[in-house]
Amino acid sequence: MTGSFVAVAGPSGSGKDTLIAWAREALGERGDVVFPRRAITRPSGPGEDHEPLSDDEFAAVERAGGFALTWGAHGLRYGIPAAVRDDLARGAVVVANVSRGSLADVRERFDRAVVVHVTVSPEVRLERILARGREDRAQAEARIARVAPPVEGAIEIRNDGSVADGGAQLRDVLEAECDRLVGVR
């Protein structure tokens, strides 16, 4: 039995973590949907629940096979814990915020990968990036100005509205994936 890895990708400030948190709460204690905690080489901070690791700690976990997926972006390292392999083996839907640059690895490493691409208008992105307080206006505007390649074969969630609107779209994708898995068992 193989579950599904749902990769939630999109530009910084599109609201990926917020939508994932909303969907996690909306889905409650379902055992068939798993939201792993990412490891990031950044200290803890508001708006992003992650396992903070130093560069050396991250490298040690990676060498020991402790990650199912890793990538680098914006001078940081990110990792999805290896335990998700067990969740997938038991037929669960695993949901994680990943980099658009890691999508080829996602599709290669997981038998069933579903990509959700979260998009948002530049104005809303700028507001969100500035509200996080990790970048000044010039850095945030430079981030917005970057042109990213399109994400092929993805389900798009346009996240310019309320958290509930975008979160409900993600919840619906996850419930449909759970239903699909029940149908193939």
C-alpha atoms as a PDB file:
ATOM      1  CA  MET A   1       0.000   0.000   0.000  1.00  0.00           C
ATOM      2  CA  THR A   2       1.398   3.389  -0.919  1.00  0.00           C
ATOM      3  CA  GLY A   3       0.138   6.725   0.268  1.00  0.00           C
ATOM      4  CA  SER A   4       0.502  10.117  -1.379  1.00  0.00           C
ATOM      5  CA  PHE A   5       3.053  12.841  -0.812  1.00  0.00           C
ATOM      6  CA  VAL A   6       1.322  16.191  -1.276  1.00  0.00           C
ATOM      7  CA  ALA A   7       3.957  18.825  -1.985  1.00  0.00           C
ATOM      8  CA  VAL A   8       2.697  22.335  -1.283  1.00  0.00           C
ATOM      9  CA  ALA A   9       4.875  24.750  -3.226  1.00  0.00           C
ATOM     10  CA  GLY A  10       4.772  28.397  -4.168  1.00  0.00           C
ATOM     11  CA  PRO A  11       6.648  31.628  -3.775  1.00  0.00           C
ATOM     12  CA  SER A  12       7.651  33.023  -0.424  1.00  0.00           C
ATOM     13  CA  GLY A  13       4.727  34.958   1.025  1.00  0.00           C
ATOM     14  CA  SER A  14       2.058  32.971  -0.811  1.00  0.00           C
ATOM     15  CA  GLY A  15       0.744  31.600   2.502  1.00  0.00           C
ATOM     16  CA  LYS A  16       1.757  27.939   2.232  1.00  0.00           C
ATOM     17  CA  ASP A  17       2.387  27.408   5.957  1.00  0.00           C
ATOM     18  CA  THR A  18      -0.794  29.277   6.869  1.00  0.00           C
ATOM     19  CA  LEU A  19      -2.911  27.132   4.540  1.00  0.00           C
ATOM     20  CA  ILE A  20      -1.258  23.955   5.809  1.00  0.00           C
ATOM     21  CA  ALA A  21      -1.960  24.974   9.428  1.00  0.00           C
ATOM     22  CA  TRP A  22      -5.604  25.724   8.555  1.00  0.00           C
ATOM     23  CA  ALA A  23      -6.019  22.371   6.811  1.00  0.00           C
ATOM     24  CA  ARG A  24      -4.352  20.546   9.724  1.00  0.00           C
ATOM     25  CA  GLU A  25      -6.843  22.054  12.135  1.00  0.00           C
ATOM     26  CA  ALA A  26      -9.822  21.517   9.824  1.00  0.00           C
ATOM     27  CA  LEU A  27      -8.968  17.843   9.335  1.00  0.00           C
ATOM     28  CA  GLY A  28      -8.566  17.269  13.073  1.00  0.00           C
ATOM     29  CA  GLU A  29      -7.111  14.025  14.322  1.00  0.00           C
ATOM     30  CA  ARG A  30      -7.370  12.035  11.091  1.00  0.00           C
ATOM     31  CA  GLY A  31      -4.714   9.366  11.116  1.00  0.00           C
ATOM     32  CA  ASP A  32      -4.681   9.155   7.335  1.00  0.00           C
ATOM     33  CA  VAL A  33      -3.302  12.688   6.860  1.00  0.00           C
ATOM     34  CA  VAL A  34       0.150  13.508   8.248  1.00  0.00           C
ATOM     35  CA  PHE A  35       1.773  16.936   8.504  1.00  0.00           C
ATOM     36  CA  PRO A  36       5.482  16.352   9.233  1.00  0.00           C
ATOM     37  CA  ARG A  37       7.535  19.052  10.920  1.00  0.00           C
ATOM     38  CA  ARG A  38      10.331  20.269   8.635  1.00  0.00           C
ATOM     39  CA  ALA A  39      13.878  20.797   9.811  1.00  0.00           C
ATOM     40  CA  ILE A  40      15.380  24.137   8.765  1.00  0.00           C
ATOM     41  CA  THR A  41      18.770  25.682   9.406  1.00  0.00           C
ATOM     42  CA  ARG A  42      17.100  28.790  10.837  1.00  0.00           C
ATOM     43  CA  PRO A  43      16.198  29.664  14.428  1.00  0.00           C
ATOM     44  CA  SER A  44      12.558  29.335  15.487  1.00  0.00           C
ATOM     45  CA  GLY A  45      10.375  32.302  14.709  1.00  0.00           C
ATOM     46  CA  PRO A  46       6.785  33.401  14.248  1.00  0.00           C
ATOM     47  CA  GLY A  47       4.690  31.937  11.457  1.00  0.00           C
ATOM     48  CA  GLU A  48       6.716  28.813  10.754  1.00  0.00           C
ATOM     49  CA  ASP A  49       6.703  25.747  12.983  1.00  0.00           C
ATOM     50  CA  HIS A  50       9.915  23.874  12.267  1.00  0.00           C
ATOM     51  CA  GLU A  51      12.738  21.972  13.911  1.00  0.00           C
ATOM     52  CA  PRO A  52      15.619  24.473  14.046  1.00  0.00           C
ATOM     53  CA  LEU A  53      19.002  22.869  13.345  1.00  0.00           C
ATOM     54  CA  SER A  54      22.477  24.288  12.930  1.00  0.00           C
ATOM     55  CA  ASP A  55      24.251  23.579   9.649  1.00  0.00           C
ATOM     56  CA  ASP A  56      26.350  20.905  11.376  1.00  0.00           C
ATOM     57  CA  GLU A  57      23.305  19.268  13.001  1.00  0.00           C
ATOM     58  CA  PHE A  58      21.457  19.227   9.691  1.00  0.00           C
ATOM     59  CA  ALA A  59      24.441  17.661   7.914  1.00  0.00           C
ATOM     60  CA  ALA A  60      24.720  14.975  10.602  1.00  0.00           C
ATOM     61  CA  VAL A  61      21.011  14.060  10.340  1.00  0.00           C
ATOM     62  CA  GLU A  62      21.288  13.993   6.548  1.00  0.00           C
ATOM     63  CA  ARG A  63      24.380  11.721   6.643  1.00  0.00           C
ATOM     64  CA  ALA A  64      22.546   9.367   9.020  1.00  0.00           C
ATOM     65  CA  GLY A  65      19.612   9.037   6.583  1.00  0.00           C
ATOM     66  CA  GLY A  66      17.256  11.010   8.801  1.00  0.00           C
ATOM     67  CA  PHE A  67      15.560  12.839   5.944  1.00  0.00           C
ATOM     68  CA  ALA A  68      13.287  11.565   3.175  1.00  0.00           C
ATOM     69  CA  LEU A  69      13.870  14.777   1.208  1.00  0.00           C
ATOM     70  CA  THR A  70      16.260  17.734   1.509  1.00  0.00           C
ATOM     71  CA  TRP A  71      16.888  20.907  -0.448  1.00  0.00           C
ATOM     72  CA  GLY A  72      18.567  24.258  -0.159  1.00  0.00           C
ATOM     73  CA  ALA A  73      16.988  27.651  -0.755  1.00  0.00           C
ATOM     74  CA  HIS A  74      17.886  31.222   0.152  1.00  0.00           C
ATOM     75  CA  GLY A  75      21.022  30.144   2.002  1.00  0.00           C
ATOM     76  CA  LEU A  76      19.152  27.665   4.227  1.00  0.00           C
ATOM     77  CA  ARG A  77      18.786  23.877   4.261  1.00  0.00           C
ATOM     78  CA  TYR A  78      15.392  22.190   4.594  1.00  0.00           C
ATOM     79  CA  GLY A  79      14.533  18.577   5.382  1.00  0.00           C
ATOM     80  CA  ILE A  80      11.456  16.371   5.590  1.00  0.00           C
ATOM     81  CA  PRO A  81      11.939  13.641   8.232  1.00  0.00           C
ATOM     82  CA  ALA A  82      12.547  10.073   7.058  1.00  0.00           C
ATOM     83  CA  ALA A  83       9.585   8.885   9.181  1.00  0.00           C
ATOM     84  CA  VAL A  84       7.257   9.993   6.364  1.00  0.00           C
ATOM     85  CA  ARG A  85       8.329   6.876   4.465  1.00  0.00           C
ATOM     86  CA  ASP A  86       6.548   4.775   7.118  1.00  0.00           C
ATOM     87  CA  ASP A  87       3.459   6.992   6.861  1.00  0.00           C
ATOM     88  CA  LEU A  88       3.416   6.552   3.085  1.00  0.00           C
ATOM     89  CA  ALA A  89       3.942   2.795   3.405  1.00  0.00           C
ATOM     90  CA  ARG A  90       0.818   2.531   5.574  1.00  0.00           C
ATOM     91  CA  GLY A  91      -1.181   4.479   2.970  1.00  0.00           C
ATOM     92  CA  ALA A  92      -1.317   7.943   4.541  1.00  0.00           C
ATOM     93  CA  VAL A  93      -1.417  11.305   2.784  1.00  0.00           C
ATOM     94  CA  VAL A  94       1.709  13.256   3.784  1.00  0.00           C
ATOM     95  CA  VAL A  95       1.504  17.037   3.377  1.00  0.00           C
ATOM     96  CA  ALA A  96       4.600  19.253   3.348  1.00  0.00           C
ATOM     97  CA  ASN A  97       5.689  22.710   2.314  1.00  0.00           C
ATOM     98  CA  VAL A  98       8.518  22.227  -0.181  1.00  0.00           C
ATOM     99  CA  SER A  99      10.563  24.367  -2.517  1.00  0.00           C
ATOM    100  CA  ARG A 100       9.550  24.590  -6.144  1.00  0.00           C
ATOM    101  CA  GLY A 101      13.169  23.678  -6.866  1.00  0.00           C
ATOM    102  CA  SER A 102      12.720  20.336  -5.105  1.00  0.00           C
ATOM    103  CA  LEU A 103       9.688  19.179  -7.105  1.00  0.00           C
ATOM    104  CA  ALA A 104      11.709  16.977  -9.463  1.00  0.00           C
ATOM    105  CA  ASP A 105      13.123  15.178  -6.402  1.00  0.00           C
ATOM    106  CA  VAL A 106       9.631  14.880  -4.913  1.00  0.00           C
ATOM    107  CA  ARG A 107       8.316  13.267  -8.085  1.00  0.00           C
ATOM    108  CA  GLU A 108      11.343  10.939  -8.273  1.00  0.00           C
ATOM    109  CA  ARG A 109      11.393   9.825  -4.612  1.00  0.00           C
ATOM    110  CA  PHE A 110       7.718   9.252  -3.910  1.00  0.00           C
ATOM    111  CA  ASP A 111       5.581   6.756  -5.831  1.00  0.00           C
ATOM    112  CA  ARG A 112       2.530   9.013  -5.676  1.00  0.00           C
ATOM    113  CA  ALA A 113       3.280  12.743  -5.613  1.00  0.00           C
ATOM    114  CA  VAL A 114       0.632  15.439  -5.869  1.00  0.00           C
ATOM    115  CA  VAL A 115       1.813  19.021  -6.319  1.00  0.00           C
ATOM    116  CA  VAL A 116      -0.258  21.928  -5.028  1.00  0.00           C
ATOM    117  CA  HIS A 117       0.988  25.297  -6.274  1.00  0.00           C
ATOM    118  CA  VAL A 118      -0.086  28.234  -4.118  1.00  0.00           C
ATOM    119  CA  THR A 119      -0.179  31.523  -6.006  1.00  0.00           C
ATOM    120  CA  VAL A 120      -0.909  35.055  -4.876  1.00  0.00           C
ATOM    121  CA  SER A 121      -0.810  38.568  -6.310  1.00  0.00           C
ATOM    122  CA  PRO A 122       2.461  40.512  -5.949  1.00  0.00           C
ATOM    123  CA  GLU A 123       0.774  43.138  -3.746  1.00  0.00           C
ATOM    124  CA  VAL A 124      -0.500  40.586  -1.238  1.00  0.00           C
ATOM    125  CA  ARG A 125       2.855  38.750  -1.261  1.00  0.00           C
ATOM    126  CA  LEU A 126       4.713  41.960  -0.476  1.00  0.00           C
ATOM    127  CA  GLU A 127       2.408  42.698   2.473  1.00  0.00           C
ATOM    128  CA  ARG A 128       2.871  39.184   3.852  1.00  0.00           C
ATOM    129  CA  ILE A 129       6.649  39.155   3.453  1.00  0.00           C
ATOM    130  CA  LEU A 130       6.976  42.511   5.200  1.00  0.00           C
ATOM    131  CA  ALA A 131       4.638  41.391   8.008  1.00  0.00           C
ATOM    132  CA  ARG A 132       6.938  38.425   8.792  1.00  0.00           C
ATOM    133  CA  GLY A 133       9.707  40.857   9.662  1.00  0.00           C
ATOM    134  CA  ARG A 134      12.551  38.713   8.280  1.00  0.00           C
ATOM    135  CA  GLU A 135      13.335  41.059   5.363  1.00  0.00           C
ATOM    136  CA  ASP A 136      13.352  44.806   4.848  1.00  0.00           C
ATOM    137  CA  ARG A 137      11.324  46.450   2.062  1.00  0.00           C
ATOM    138  CA  ALA A 138      14.168  46.375  -0.500  1.00  0.00           C
ATOM    139  CA  GLN A 139      14.798  42.663   0.124  1.00  0.00           C
ATOM    140  CA  ALA A 140      11.072  41.904  -0.038  1.00  0.00           C
ATOM    141  CA  GLU A 141      10.655  43.837  -3.292  1.00  0.00           C
ATOM    142  CA  ALA A 142      13.664  42.015  -4.780  1.00  0.00           C
ATOM    143  CA  ARG A 143      12.077  38.691  -3.807  1.00  0.00           C
ATOM    144  CA  ILE A 144       8.793  39.713  -5.491  1.00  0.00           C
ATOM    145  CA  ALA A 145      10.653  40.779  -8.659  1.00  0.00           C
ATOM    146  CA  ARG A 146      12.180  37.310  -9.209  1.00  0.00           C
ATOM    147  CA  VAL A 147      10.558  35.436 -12.059  1.00  0.00           C
ATOM    148  CA  ALA A 148       9.945  31.782 -11.263  1.00  0.00           C
ATOM    149  CA  PRO A 149       9.383  29.064 -13.834  1.00  0.00           C
ATOM    150  CA  PRO A 150       5.874  27.642 -14.092  1.00  0.00           C
ATOM    151  CA  VAL A 151       4.973  24.592 -12.004  1.00  0.00           C
ATOM    152  CA  GLU A 152       3.837  21.911 -14.424  1.00  0.00           C
ATOM    153  CA  GLY A 153       1.150  19.386 -13.525  1.00  0.00           C
ATOM    154  CA  ALA A 154       0.111  21.139 -10.320  1.00  0.00           C
ATOM    155  CA  ILE A 155      -3.226  21.861  -8.689  1.00  0.00           C
ATOM    156  CA  GLU A 156      -3.362  25.637  -8.274  1.00  0.00           C
ATOM    157  CA  ILE A 157      -4.711  27.378  -5.192  1.00  0.00           C
ATOM    158  CA  ARG A 158      -5.061  31.134  -5.645  1.00  0.00           C
ATOM    159  CA  ASN A 159      -4.545  32.536  -2.141  1.00  0.00           C
ATOM    160  CA  ASP A 160      -5.478  36.212  -2.405  1.00  0.00           C
ATOM    161  CA  GLY A 161      -8.635  35.801  -0.292  1.00  0.00           C
ATOM    162  CA  SER A 162      -9.198  34.756   3.271  1.00  0.00           C
ATOM    163  CA  VAL A 163      -7.242  32.029   5.037  1.00  0.00           C
ATOM    164  CA  ALA A 164     -10.471  30.024   5.248  1.00  0.00           C
ATOM    165  CA  ASP A 165     -10.984  30.231   1.466  1.00  0.00           C
ATOM    166  CA  GLY A 166      -7.464  29.064   0.622  1.00  0.00           C
ATOM    167  CA  GLY A 167      -7.389  26.564   3.480  1.00  0.00           C
ATOM    168  CA  ALA A 168     -10.672  25.009   2.368  1.00  0.00           C
ATOM    169  CA  GLN A 169      -9.237  24.524  -1.122  1.00  0.00           C
ATOM    170  CA  LEU A 170      -6.238  22.674   0.343  1.00  0.00           C
ATOM    171  CA  ARG A 171      -8.470  20.633   2.655  1.00  0.00           C
ATOM    172  CA  ASP A 172     -10.573  19.620  -0.349  1.00  0.00           C
ATOM    173  CA  VAL A 173      -7.457  18.455  -2.231  1.00  0.00           C
ATOM    174  CA  LEU A 174      -6.349  16.397   0.777  1.00  0.00           C
ATOM    175  CA  GLU A 175      -9.772  14.828   1.312  1.00  0.00           C
ATOM    176  CA  ALA A 176      -9.979  13.946  -2.393  1.00  0.00           C
ATOM    177  CA  GLU A 177      -6.555  12.308  -2.151  1.00  0.00           C
ATOM    178  CA  CYS A 178      -7.682  10.306   0.907  1.00  0.00           C
ATOM    179  CA  ASP A 179     -10.786   9.194  -1.010  1.00  0.00           C
ATOM    180  CA  ARG A 180      -8.632   8.195  -3.990  1.00  0.00           C
ATOM    181  CA  LEU A 181      -6.414   6.069  -1.760  1.00  0.00           C
ATOM    182  CA  VAL A 182      -9.421   4.319  -0.228  1.00  0.00           C
ATOM    183  CA  GLY A 183     -10.575   3.472  -3.754  1.00  0.00           C
ATOM    184  CA  VAL A 184      -7.269   1.778  -4.647  1.00  0.00           C
ATOM    185  CA  ARG A 185      -6.977  -0.354  -1.489  1.00  0.00           C
END
